[in-house]
Amino acid sequence: MRNRRIAAAGGVALACACQFVSQPVRAQSSITLYGMTEITLRYLTNDDARNDGRLFMGNGAVINSHIGLRGTEQLGNGLSAVFQLESNFNPQDGTASDSGRFFGSTANVGLSGKFGTLTLGRQDTPLFDKLVTTYDPLTYANYPENSWLPYALGAGLAADNSIKYVGQFGGLYVGAIYSTGGNYAWSGANGFSGQIPGHFTAGNLYGLLASYAYGALSLGAGTQQVRDNSNNRQALYHVDAAYAYGPTKLYAGYMHSQDNTGLVDALLAEQPMADISQLKNRNRIDDGPFAGIAWQVSAPLSLTGAFYYDHMRNATTSGNTLGSGNRYTIVALLEYALSKRSEVYGTVDFNQVSGAATVELPGRANQTGVAIGMRSFF
C-alpha cells in the first residue's frame, strides 16, 4: 500500500535510449526500479480468545513493503507504452505477502496519452488509488486493526483480469475499471477461491470514480461492485472530501455497502462461525463514515489522527444468526523524517465493537495496539 509521500521519495531510474531500425526517430524508453521497506515492532492487546497480549514484528503501519518496476516507452505523437510490475513482501522474514503470487500487487501493461491511460492486467481499483493519494487520512492503513473499513467494503481494492482507464483533465480525475473475473471472493464452504473469469456478470468486478480538485478542496464520489460465481453481488457507494489549510489537511468520507455474497462477513470475522457456508444471501448492510486530520508540525515532523466507524445490519454472528452492531477505530500516527527517503514513526490505535460486530475481534470487545517502526524508500 503506497504512501502520499511516495512521489517525493524518488526512485532509481535505469534509462536507455533505443533506436528502431525501421524508424528515423529515436524512441525514448525508461525503466524505474522502486520500492520501500518498512518494519514495525508492535504490541496488541486481546489478541486471541484468551485475551492474551502479543508482541511481534510485522510489516509496515501504513504501507506494505514492496518492490517494483515501472516502464515507459515513447511511441510518438504523445503516445506511450507503459507497464508496471510490483510485489509485496514481509521484511520480518523475507517471505512474499501476496498469497504466493510473484507480482501479487500489480502486473499490467497499456497505453498512455492525452486521452488518459488504459491498462490491462492485475491492478488497483480507482477507489484504492484515490484513497491512498487523497482521501484516507492514513493513506489506507496496513494494520488489519486499522484498514478493515476500506478493505472489506471495497472488496479487496485490487482486481485480476481487469481493464482500467484513468484520465486527468485539469482538476478533474476520472477512473473506471472492469474485471472479467478471477478475483478472490467468498465461495461458501470452500472458503476464498478464484472466481471463474470470462462471464459478463458472474465473477466480475467494476468500479467508477470521479474526483475534482479546486484549490485546497478535493471532492470525490463513486461506486464499486463485485459478483461471485453464483452472481450474488456486493456493491459499495462512497463520497469523499479533503481540504488543505496551511500545514493542516482535513479528511472526511462515507461508505455504504450492501452485500449478498458473504464476503464482508468473511473478511471481517476473527472468531469462528457456526455455519459459515451459509453466509450468502443475507443482505448485509454497512454504513461507514470516516474522518481525519493531518498536521505538518515542522519540516520533518507530522501528526495524523483518524477515526473509522461502521454501523452494520443483517450481519452474521458467531451463532449464525443475523444482528446489528457497531465498530469504531481511533488511530494516532506520529512520523519523523530522517531524510527525503527514510523516516521513523510511532502509532497508537484502539478498536471497540458491540452487537454483531463482536465476531470481528478475537477476544474481548476492545483491542489496543502500540507500535514503533521505520521505513525507507528507494
Protein backbone atom coordinates (compact mmCIF):
# COMPACT_ATOMS: atom_id res chain seq x y z
CA MET A 1 0.00 0.00 0.00
CA ARG A 2 1.54 3.26 -1.03
CA ASN A 3 2.02 6.46 0.94
CA ARG A 4 1.25 10.04 -0.06
CA ARG A 5 4.98 10.72 0.26
CA ILE A 6 6.00 8.17 -2.38
CA ALA A 7 6.19 10.79 -5.10
CA ALA A 8 8.66 12.76 -3.01
CA ALA A 9 10.72 9.70 -2.18
CA GLY A 10 12.01 9.30 -5.69
CA GLY A 11 13.29 6.17 -7.34
CA VAL A 12 16.28 4.63 -9.09
CA ALA A 13 15.88 5.13 -12.82
CA LEU A 14 17.53 2.85 -15.30
CA ALA A 15 17.07 4.83 -18.50
CA CYS A 16 18.00 3.82 -22.00
CA ALA A 17 17.56 5.39 -25.41
CA CYS A 18 16.55 2.89 -28.06
CA GLN A 19 16.59 3.47 -31.83
CA PHE A 20 14.47 1.25 -34.04
CA VAL A 21 15.91 0.42 -37.46
CA SER A 22 12.57 0.92 -39.18
CA GLN A 23 12.11 4.43 -37.76
CA PRO A 24 14.17 7.56 -38.40
CA VAL A 25 13.36 8.96 -34.96
CA ARG A 26 14.66 7.85 -31.58
CA ALA A 27 12.12 6.33 -29.16
CA GLN A 28 12.93 7.19 -25.54
CA SER A 29 12.44 4.38 -23.04
CA SER A 30 12.90 4.32 -19.29
CA ILE A 31 12.59 1.69 -16.60
CA THR A 32 12.39 2.66 -12.94
CA LEU A 33 13.22 0.29 -10.11
CA TYR A 34 11.43 1.45 -6.97
CA GLY A 35 10.27 0.14 -3.64
CA MET A 36 10.09 0.56 0.09
CA THR A 37 10.99 -1.50 3.14
CA GLU A 38 9.02 -0.88 6.33
CA ILE A 39 9.00 -2.87 9.53
CA THR A 40 7.39 -2.37 12.93
CA LEU A 41 7.60 -3.70 16.45
CA ARG A 42 4.00 -3.92 17.65
CA TYR A 43 2.16 -4.83 20.83
CA LEU A 44 -1.50 -5.82 20.59
CA THR A 45 -3.89 -6.48 23.49
CA ASN A 46 -6.64 -9.16 23.48
CA ASP A 47 -5.02 -10.84 20.50
CA ASP A 48 -6.73 -14.23 20.91
CA ALA A 49 -9.75 -15.90 22.51
CA ARG A 50 -7.92 -16.00 25.87
CA ASN A 51 -7.34 -12.22 25.67
CA ASP A 52 -3.57 -12.62 25.68
CA GLY A 53 -1.37 -9.74 24.61
CA ARG A 54 1.19 -10.25 21.84
CA LEU A 55 4.49 -8.56 21.00
CA PHE A 56 5.59 -9.17 17.43
CA MET A 57 7.47 -7.81 14.46
CA GLY A 58 5.45 -7.15 11.33
CA ASN A 59 5.04 -5.32 8.06
CA GLY A 60 4.56 -1.57 7.99
CA ALA A 61 1.98 0.52 9.81
CA VAL A 62 0.85 2.41 6.73
CA ILE A 63 2.33 0.68 3.69
CA ASN A 64 3.22 -2.88 2.74
CA SER A 65 6.90 -3.32 1.97
CA HIS A 66 7.18 -3.71 -1.78
CA ILE A 67 9.48 -3.71 -4.80
CA GLY A 68 8.52 -2.93 -8.34
CA LEU A 69 9.43 -1.97 -11.90
CA ARG A 70 7.73 0.79 -13.86
CA GLY A 71 8.45 1.39 -17.53
CA THR A 72 7.58 3.86 -20.28
CA GLU A 73 8.36 3.87 -23.99
CA GLN A 74 7.54 6.94 -26.07
CA LEU A 75 5.85 5.87 -29.31
CA GLY A 76 5.46 9.32 -30.84
CA ASN A 77 2.59 11.78 -31.24
CA GLY A 78 2.19 11.97 -27.47
CA LEU A 79 1.51 8.22 -27.13
CA SER A 80 3.48 5.96 -24.76
CA ALA A 81 3.54 2.27 -23.92
CA VAL A 82 3.59 1.71 -20.16
CA PHE A 83 3.90 -1.23 -17.78
CA GLN A 84 4.17 -1.84 -14.04
CA LEU A 85 5.12 -4.92 -12.01
CA GLU A 86 5.03 -4.86 -8.22
CA SER A 87 5.32 -7.43 -5.44
CA ASN A 88 4.71 -7.07 -1.71
CA PHE A 89 6.92 -8.85 0.83
CA ASN A 90 7.29 -9.34 4.58
CA PRO A 91 10.59 -7.80 5.71
CA GLN A 92 10.49 -9.53 9.11
CA ASP A 93 11.14 -12.92 7.50
CA GLY A 94 11.63 -12.24 3.79
CA THR A 95 8.52 -14.12 2.63
CA ALA A 96 6.05 -12.99 -0.03
CA SER A 97 2.91 -11.35 1.33
CA ASP A 98 0.62 -11.82 -1.68
CA SER A 99 -0.59 -15.41 -1.19
CA GLY A 100 2.42 -16.75 -3.07
CA ARG A 101 1.91 -14.59 -6.16
CA PHE A 102 5.08 -13.38 -7.82
CA PHE A 103 3.55 -9.99 -8.68
CA GLY A 104 0.55 -10.01 -6.37
CA SER A 105 0.30 -6.25 -6.04
CA THR A 106 0.37 -5.10 -9.65
CA ALA A 107 1.09 -6.58 -13.07
CA ASN A 108 -0.20 -4.58 -16.04
CA VAL A 109 0.62 -3.11 -19.44
CA GLY A 110 -1.08 -0.45 -21.52
CA LEU A 111 -1.05 2.83 -23.42
CA SER A 112 -0.92 6.40 -22.15
CA GLY A 113 -1.54 9.69 -23.93
CA LYS A 114 -3.55 12.89 -23.88
CA PHE A 115 -6.69 10.76 -23.62
CA GLY A 116 -5.50 9.27 -20.31
CA THR A 117 -4.10 5.83 -19.50
CA LEU A 118 -5.60 2.47 -20.44
CA THR A 119 -4.04 -0.66 -18.85
CA LEU A 120 -4.72 -4.40 -18.75
CA GLY A 121 -3.86 -6.96 -16.05
CA ARG A 122 -3.91 -7.09 -12.25
CA GLN A 123 -4.19 -3.59 -10.82
CA ASP A 124 -5.54 -1.42 -8.05
CA THR A 125 -9.05 -0.06 -8.41
CA PRO A 126 -9.62 3.70 -8.83
CA LEU A 127 -11.10 3.68 -5.31
CA PHE A 128 -7.80 2.39 -3.91
CA ASP A 129 -5.81 4.94 -5.92
CA LYS A 130 -7.76 7.91 -4.60
CA LEU A 131 -7.91 6.66 -1.00
CA VAL A 132 -4.12 6.39 -1.00
CA THR A 133 -3.35 9.70 -2.67
CA THR A 134 -6.19 11.96 -1.50
CA TYR A 135 -8.98 10.86 0.84
CA ASP A 136 -7.89 8.39 3.53
CA PRO A 137 -6.11 10.16 6.42
CA LEU A 138 -3.87 7.09 6.89
CA THR A 139 -3.43 6.58 3.13
CA TYR A 140 -5.06 3.15 3.52
CA ALA A 141 -3.58 1.83 6.76
CA ASN A 142 -1.84 -1.53 6.63
CA TYR A 143 -2.63 -2.98 10.05
CA PRO A 144 -5.78 -5.14 9.85
CA GLU A 145 -6.98 -3.37 13.01
CA ASN A 146 -6.95 -0.04 11.11
CA SER A 147 -7.70 -0.93 7.48
CA TRP A 148 -10.86 -3.00 7.95
CA LEU A 149 -13.32 -0.38 6.65
CA PRO A 150 -11.99 0.25 3.11
CA TYR A 151 -10.59 -3.27 2.74
CA ALA A 152 -13.80 -5.16 3.50
CA LEU A 153 -16.29 -2.78 1.93
CA GLY A 154 -14.04 -2.18 -1.07
CA ALA A 155 -13.79 -5.93 -1.79
CA GLY A 156 -10.01 -6.05 -1.64
CA LEU A 157 -9.40 -2.90 -3.74
CA ALA A 158 -7.48 -4.78 -6.46
CA ALA A 159 -8.70 -6.76 -9.45
CA ASP A 160 -7.33 -9.56 -11.64
CA ASN A 161 -8.02 -9.78 -15.39
CA SER A 162 -9.02 -6.13 -15.44
CA ILE A 163 -9.28 -3.26 -17.90
CA LYS A 164 -8.62 0.09 -16.25
CA TYR A 165 -8.91 3.66 -17.51
CA VAL A 166 -7.63 6.75 -15.70
CA GLY A 167 -7.86 10.29 -17.04
CA GLN A 168 -6.71 13.60 -15.51
CA PHE A 169 -8.13 16.72 -17.14
CA GLY A 170 -7.13 19.77 -15.17
CA GLY A 171 -8.67 19.34 -11.74
CA LEU A 172 -10.96 16.51 -12.89
CA TYR A 173 -9.95 12.89 -12.33
CA VAL A 174 -11.96 10.06 -13.91
CA GLY A 175 -11.30 6.40 -13.17
CA ALA A 176 -13.03 3.22 -14.33
CA ILE A 177 -12.23 -0.48 -14.03
CA TYR A 178 -13.84 -3.69 -15.27
CA SER A 179 -12.68 -7.19 -14.39
CA THR A 180 -13.79 -10.32 -16.21
CA GLY A 181 -13.27 -12.38 -13.04
CA GLY A 182 -10.57 -14.43 -11.35
CA ASN A 183 -10.61 -12.27 -8.21
CA TYR A 184 -10.57 -13.88 -4.78
CA ALA A 185 -14.06 -13.98 -3.29
CA TRP A 186 -16.06 -15.92 -0.76
CA SER A 187 -17.46 -19.21 -2.05
CA GLY A 188 -19.23 -20.66 0.96
CA ALA A 189 -17.89 -23.88 2.50
CA ASN A 190 -14.87 -23.79 0.16
CA GLY A 191 -13.60 -20.53 1.68
CA PHE A 192 -11.87 -17.99 -0.56
CA SER A 193 -11.36 -19.10 -4.13
CA GLY A 194 -10.67 -17.58 -7.52
CA GLN A 195 -13.72 -16.58 -9.49
CA ILE A 196 -14.12 -18.07 -12.95
CA PRO A 197 -13.04 -15.38 -15.46
CA GLY A 198 -14.90 -14.63 -18.65
CA HIS A 199 -18.51 -14.05 -17.60
CA PHE A 200 -20.21 -10.72 -18.28
CA THR A 201 -21.94 -10.84 -14.89
CA ALA A 202 -20.96 -13.73 -12.58
CA GLY A 203 -17.49 -13.32 -11.09
CA ASN A 204 -16.82 -9.83 -12.39
CA LEU A 205 -15.91 -6.51 -10.77
CA TYR A 206 -16.43 -2.95 -11.90
CA GLY A 207 -15.77 0.46 -10.41
CA LEU A 208 -16.38 4.08 -11.37
CA LEU A 209 -14.97 7.15 -9.64
CA ALA A 210 -14.84 10.89 -10.30
CA SER A 211 -12.83 13.38 -8.27
CA TYR A 212 -12.40 17.12 -8.64
CA ALA A 213 -9.75 19.33 -7.06
CA TYR A 214 -10.26 23.07 -6.86
CA GLY A 215 -7.51 24.84 -4.98
CA ALA A 216 -7.29 23.40 -1.47
CA LEU A 217 -10.55 21.44 -1.78
CA SER A 218 -10.96 17.99 -3.30
CA LEU A 219 -14.28 16.13 -3.68
CA GLY A 220 -14.91 12.62 -4.95
CA ALA A 221 -17.66 10.03 -5.38
CA GLY A 222 -18.02 6.62 -6.93
CA THR A 223 -19.25 3.06 -6.84
CA GLN A 224 -17.65 -0.39 -6.92
CA GLN A 225 -19.30 -3.78 -7.33
CA VAL A 226 -18.11 -7.39 -7.23
CA ARG A 227 -20.12 -10.54 -8.03
CA ASP A 228 -19.34 -14.11 -7.01
CA ASN A 229 -19.65 -17.17 -9.26
CA SER A 230 -23.31 -17.55 -8.29
CA ASN A 231 -23.99 -13.95 -9.37
CA ASN A 232 -24.53 -12.70 -5.83
CA ARG A 233 -23.47 -9.06 -5.50
CA GLN A 234 -21.58 -6.82 -3.11
CA ALA A 235 -21.98 -3.14 -4.00
CA LEU A 236 -20.22 -0.13 -2.49
CA TYR A 237 -21.08 3.56 -2.83
CA HIS A 238 -18.87 6.29 -1.43
CA VAL A 239 -18.36 10.06 -1.18
CA ASP A 240 -15.12 11.71 -0.05
CA ALA A 241 -13.67 15.12 0.73
CA ALA A 242 -10.30 16.61 1.66
CA TYR A 243 -9.33 20.20 2.44
CA ALA A 244 -5.86 21.64 3.00
CA TYR A 245 -5.41 24.71 5.16
CA GLY A 246 -1.80 25.75 5.59
CA PRO A 247 0.10 22.89 7.27
CA THR A 248 -3.17 21.11 8.12
CA LYS A 249 -5.29 18.79 5.99
CA LEU A 250 -8.81 17.65 6.88
CA TYR A 251 -10.41 14.42 5.62
CA ALA A 252 -13.97 13.08 5.58
CA GLY A 253 -15.71 10.24 3.79
CA TYR A 254 -18.67 7.90 3.83
CA MET A 255 -19.05 4.32 2.56
CA HIS A 256 -22.31 2.40 2.11
CA SER A 257 -22.16 -1.32 1.29
CA GLN A 258 -24.84 -3.89 0.53
CA ASP A 259 -23.56 -7.46 0.42
CA ASN A 260 -25.31 -10.69 -0.62
CA THR A 261 -22.11 -12.71 -1.16
CA GLY A 262 -20.95 -13.21 2.44
CA LEU A 263 -17.66 -11.55 1.50
CA VAL A 264 -17.81 -8.74 4.09
CA ASP A 265 -18.75 -11.14 6.91
CA ALA A 266 -15.92 -13.49 5.99
CA LEU A 267 -13.27 -10.78 5.60
CA LEU A 268 -14.00 -9.18 8.98
CA ALA A 269 -14.65 -12.25 11.17
CA GLU A 270 -11.87 -13.12 13.64
CA GLN A 271 -13.98 -15.63 15.57
CA PRO A 272 -15.24 -18.98 14.19
CA MET A 273 -18.81 -19.04 12.89
CA ALA A 274 -21.18 -21.97 13.36
CA ASP A 275 -22.10 -22.44 9.70
CA ILE A 276 -20.02 -20.12 7.58
CA SER A 277 -21.02 -21.93 4.36
CA GLN A 278 -24.47 -20.34 4.63
CA LEU A 279 -23.29 -16.73 4.61
CA LYS A 280 -24.70 -15.82 1.19
CA ASN A 281 -27.97 -14.02 0.51
CA ARG A 282 -28.04 -12.34 3.91
CA ASN A 283 -28.21 -8.76 2.55
CA ARG A 284 -25.68 -7.34 4.99
CA ILE A 285 -25.69 -3.52 5.03
CA ASP A 286 -22.81 -1.37 6.31
CA ASP A 287 -22.70 2.39 6.77
CA GLY A 288 -19.17 3.59 7.41
CA PRO A 289 -18.20 7.24 7.87
CA PHE A 290 -14.56 8.16 8.47
CA ALA A 291 -12.63 11.35 9.18
CA GLY A 292 -9.14 12.56 9.98
CA ILE A 293 -6.67 15.37 10.30
CA ALA A 294 -3.00 15.60 9.31
CA TRP A 295 -0.75 18.33 10.69
CA GLN A 296 2.72 19.07 9.38
CA VAL A 297 4.14 20.29 12.68
CA SER A 298 7.55 21.09 11.19
CA ALA A 299 9.56 20.09 8.12
CA PRO A 300 10.46 16.63 9.50
CA LEU A 301 7.57 16.08 11.96
CA SER A 302 3.94 15.24 11.14
CA LEU A 303 0.98 14.11 13.23
CA THR A 304 -2.11 12.32 11.90
CA GLY A 305 -5.34 11.37 13.64
CA ALA A 306 -8.02 9.15 12.08
CA PHE A 307 -11.47 7.85 13.01
CA TYR A 308 -13.35 4.97 11.29
CA TYR A 309 -16.86 3.81 12.13
CA ASP A 310 -19.22 1.11 10.86
CA HIS A 311 -22.88 0.50 11.67
CA MET A 312 -23.89 -2.92 10.34
CA ARG A 313 -27.27 -4.61 9.85
CA ASN A 314 -28.05 -8.22 8.93
CA ALA A 315 -24.50 -9.17 9.93
CA THR A 316 -23.71 -12.79 10.75
CA THR A 317 -22.93 -13.53 14.40
CA SER A 318 -20.89 -16.38 15.87
CA GLY A 319 -24.16 -18.27 16.46
CA ASN A 320 -25.04 -17.94 12.74
CA THR A 321 -27.89 -15.55 13.48
CA LEU A 322 -28.35 -12.09 11.98
CA GLY A 323 -27.92 -8.95 14.02
CA SER A 324 -26.88 -5.31 14.14
CA GLY A 325 -23.68 -3.95 15.58
CA ASN A 326 -21.14 -1.15 15.66
CA ARG A 327 -17.39 -0.83 15.36
CA TYR A 328 -15.11 2.15 15.63
CA THR A 329 -11.39 2.73 15.44
CA ILE A 330 -9.29 5.68 16.61
CA VAL A 331 -5.70 5.99 15.38
CA ALA A 332 -2.82 8.40 16.11
CA LEU A 333 0.30 8.37 13.93
CA LEU A 334 3.46 10.40 14.60
CA GLU A 335 6.10 10.46 11.85
CA TYR A 336 9.60 11.94 11.82
CA ALA A 337 11.53 12.21 8.55
CA LEU A 338 15.22 11.43 8.84
CA SER A 339 15.72 12.33 5.16
CA LYS A 340 13.67 12.55 1.97
CA ARG A 341 13.62 8.74 1.80
CA SER A 342 13.66 7.46 5.39
CA GLU A 343 11.57 8.06 8.49
CA VAL A 344 10.72 6.65 11.90
CA TYR A 345 7.25 6.66 13.42
CA GLY A 346 5.02 5.60 16.28
CA THR A 347 1.33 4.63 16.30
CA VAL A 348 -1.43 4.05 18.84
CA ASP A 349 -4.79 2.60 17.81
CA PHE A 350 -7.94 1.50 19.63
CA ASN A 351 -10.84 -0.67 18.41
CA GLN A 352 -14.24 -1.11 20.08
CA VAL A 353 -17.02 -3.45 18.88
CA SER A 354 -20.57 -4.19 20.03
CA GLY A 355 -23.51 -6.39 19.00
CA ALA A 356 -22.94 -8.40 15.83
CA ALA A 357 -19.53 -6.77 15.43
CA THR A 358 -18.07 -8.71 18.37
CA VAL A 359 -17.05 -11.51 15.95
CA GLU A 360 -14.65 -9.02 14.34
CA LEU A 361 -12.23 -9.16 17.30
CA PRO A 362 -10.77 -12.46 18.58
CA GLY A 363 -11.32 -11.89 22.31
CA ARG A 364 -12.81 -9.04 24.31
CA ALA A 365 -14.84 -6.33 22.63
CA ASN A 366 -11.87 -3.95 22.52
CA GLN A 367 -8.29 -4.02 21.34
CA THR A 368 -5.37 -1.61 21.66
CA GLY A 369 -2.24 -1.55 19.54
CA VAL A 370 1.03 0.32 20.04
CA ALA A 371 3.90 0.25 17.57
CA ILE A 372 7.18 1.86 16.56
CA GLY A 373 8.70 1.44 13.15
CA MET A 374 10.89 2.66 10.33
CA ARG A 375 10.51 2.89 6.57
CA SER A 376 12.95 3.65 3.77
CA PHE A 377 12.14 4.25 0.11
CA PHE A 378 14.37 3.57 -2.86
